[in-house]
C-alpha atoms as a PDB file:
ATOM      1  CA  MET A   1      89.368 101.746 111.438  1.00  0.00           C
ATOM      2  CA  ILE A   2      89.440 100.892 107.730  1.00  0.00           C
ATOM      3  CA  ARG A   3      86.651 103.311 106.921  1.00  0.00           C
ATOM      4  CA  PRO A   4      88.032 106.850 107.128  1.00  0.00           C
ATOM      5  CA  ASP A   5      86.229 109.925 108.342  1.00  0.00           C
ATOM      6  CA  ARG A   6      87.149 113.570 108.006  1.00  0.00           C
ATOM      7  CA  HIS A   7      89.543 113.390 110.961  1.00  0.00           C
ATOM      8  CA  THR A   8      91.517 110.429 109.634  1.00  0.00           C
ATOM      9  CA  ASN A   9      95.096 111.128 108.629  1.00  0.00           C
ATOM     10  CA  PRO A  10      95.708 109.107 105.428  1.00  0.00           C
ATOM     11  CA  GLU A  11      99.330 108.579 106.443  1.00  0.00           C
ATOM     12  CA  PHE A  12      98.257 106.434 109.421  1.00  0.00           C
ATOM     13  CA  SER A  13      95.413 104.606 107.690  1.00  0.00           C
ATOM     14  CA  VAL A  14      95.162 100.824 107.638  1.00  0.00           C
ATOM     15  CA  LEU A  15      95.748 100.758 103.890  1.00  0.00           C
ATOM     16  CA  ASN A  16      98.935 102.798 104.083  1.00  0.00           C
ATOM     17  CA  ILE A  17     100.314 100.739 106.961  1.00  0.00           C
ATOM     18  CA  SER A  18      99.407  97.574 105.037  1.00  0.00           C
ATOM     19  CA  SER A  19     101.386  98.755 102.035  1.00  0.00           C
ATOM     20  CA  ILE A  20     104.452  99.345 104.212  1.00  0.00           C
ATOM     21  CA  ILE A  21     104.073  95.912 105.804  1.00  0.00           C
ATOM     22  CA  LEU A  22     103.868  94.294 102.369  1.00  0.00           C
ATOM     23  CA  SER A  23     107.015  96.084 101.251  1.00  0.00           C
ATOM     24  CA  GLU A  24     108.877  94.778 104.329  1.00  0.00           C
ATOM     25  CA  LEU A  25     107.720  91.160 104.059  1.00  0.00           C
ATOM     26  CA  ASN A  26     109.834  88.592 102.293  1.00  0.00           C
ATOM     27  CA  THR A  27     108.718  85.260 100.879  1.00  0.00           C
ATOM     28  CA  PHE A  28     111.771  83.369 102.041  1.00  0.00           C
ATOM     29  CA  TYR A  29     112.556  84.794 105.480  1.00  0.00           C
ATOM     30  CA  PRO A  30     109.967  85.337 108.204  1.00  0.00           C
ATOM     31  CA  ILE A  31     110.013  88.604 110.128  1.00  0.00           C
ATOM     32  CA  GLN A  32     109.077  88.793 113.799  1.00  0.00           C
ATOM     33  CA  TYR A  33     106.175  90.886 115.051  1.00  0.00           C
ATOM     34  CA  ASP A  34     108.342  93.268 117.079  1.00  0.00           C
ATOM     35  CA  THR A  35     110.786  93.799 114.218  1.00  0.00           C
ATOM     36  CA  LEU A  36     107.967  94.515 111.783  1.00  0.00           C
ATOM     37  CA  LEU A  37     106.352  96.957 114.210  1.00  0.00           C
ATOM     38  CA  LYS A  38     109.692  98.712 114.691  1.00  0.00           C
ATOM     39  CA  LYS A  39     110.166  99.117 110.926  1.00  0.00           C
ATOM     40  CA  VAL A  40     106.671 100.531 110.471  1.00  0.00           C
ATOM     41  CA  THR A  41     107.142 103.018 113.323  1.00  0.00           C
ATOM     42  CA  GLU A  42     110.507 104.076 111.877  1.00  0.00           C
ATOM     43  CA  VAL A  43     108.807 104.952 108.596  1.00  0.00           C
ATOM     44  CA  LEU A  44     105.567 106.489 109.908  1.00  0.00           C
ATOM     45  CA  GLY A  45     106.157 107.329 113.547  1.00  0.00           C
ATOM     46  CA  GLU A  46     104.645 106.228 116.829  1.00  0.00           C
ATOM     47  CA  GLU A  47     101.070 107.052 115.763  1.00  0.00           C
ATOM     48  CA  ALA A  48     101.126 104.057 113.415  1.00  0.00           C
ATOM     49  CA  LYS A  49     101.042 101.681 116.405  1.00  0.00           C
ATOM     50  CA  ILE A  50      97.311 102.253 116.803  1.00  0.00           C
ATOM     51  CA  ASN A  51      96.364 100.776 113.429  1.00  0.00           C
ATOM     52  CA  PHE A  52      99.221  98.271 113.112  1.00  0.00           C
ATOM     53  CA  PRO A  53      97.230  95.249 114.421  1.00  0.00           C
ATOM     54  CA  TYR A  54      94.296  96.175 112.178  1.00  0.00           C
ATOM     55  CA  ALA A  55      96.604  96.293 109.160  1.00  0.00           C
ATOM     56  CA  LEU A  56      97.963  92.839 110.013  1.00  0.00           C
ATOM     57  CA  ASN A  57      94.426  91.479 110.344  1.00  0.00           C
ATOM     58  CA  PHE A  58      93.461  93.090 107.047  1.00  0.00           C
ATOM     59  CA  LEU A  59      96.391  91.470 105.216  1.00  0.00           C
ATOM     60  CA  PHE A  60      95.783  88.106 106.872  1.00  0.00           C
ATOM     61  CA  LEU A  61      92.131  88.140 105.826  1.00  0.00           C
ATOM     62  CA  LEU A  62      93.155  88.964 102.256  1.00  0.00           C
ATOM     63  CA  GLY A  63      95.547  86.003 102.283  1.00  0.00           C
ATOM     64  CA  LYS A  64      98.651  88.132 101.761  1.00  0.00           C
ATOM     65  CA  LEU A  65     100.598  86.909 104.790  1.00  0.00           C
ATOM     66  CA  ASN A  66     101.006  83.835 106.949  1.00  0.00           C
ATOM     67  CA  TYR A  67     101.538  83.778 110.693  1.00  0.00           C
ATOM     68  CA  GLU A  68     103.962  81.278 112.195  1.00  0.00           C
ATOM     69  CA  GLN A  69     102.954  80.788 115.813  1.00  0.00           C
ATOM     70  CA  SER A  70     106.081  78.951 116.929  1.00  0.00           C
ATOM     71  CA  THR A  71     108.336  81.896 116.063  1.00  0.00           C
ATOM     72  CA  ASP A  72     105.756  84.710 116.383  1.00  0.00           C
ATOM     73  CA  SER A  73     106.628  85.877 112.895  1.00  0.00           C
ATOM     74  CA  PHE A  74     105.032  86.706 109.574  1.00  0.00           C
ATOM     75  CA  LYS A  75     105.888  85.597 106.085  1.00  0.00           C
ATOM     76  CA  SER A  76     104.596  86.804 102.742  1.00  0.00           C
ATOM     77  CA  ASN A  77     102.117  84.493 101.064  1.00  0.00           C
ATOM     78  CA  GLU A  78     103.126  85.626  97.573  1.00  0.00           C
ATOM     79  CA  ALA A  79     105.252  83.163  95.652  1.00  0.00           C
END
């Protein structure tokens, strides 16, 4: 999903969705999974739901966000 082909719409790519997620995250207040998904789909549309989990995984592997299991929410790792 990260590697595009000729049929990939750049608007719904993992990198673009990741940039929107990073702009929505805050260092002080966690944001719940459903709320974050809703904000991304408001910006890009329903087609963004396909790559949304991949974008979260991508950011988590890069160390850009933390997952809080007790509240099912994400928080920016940047300080």
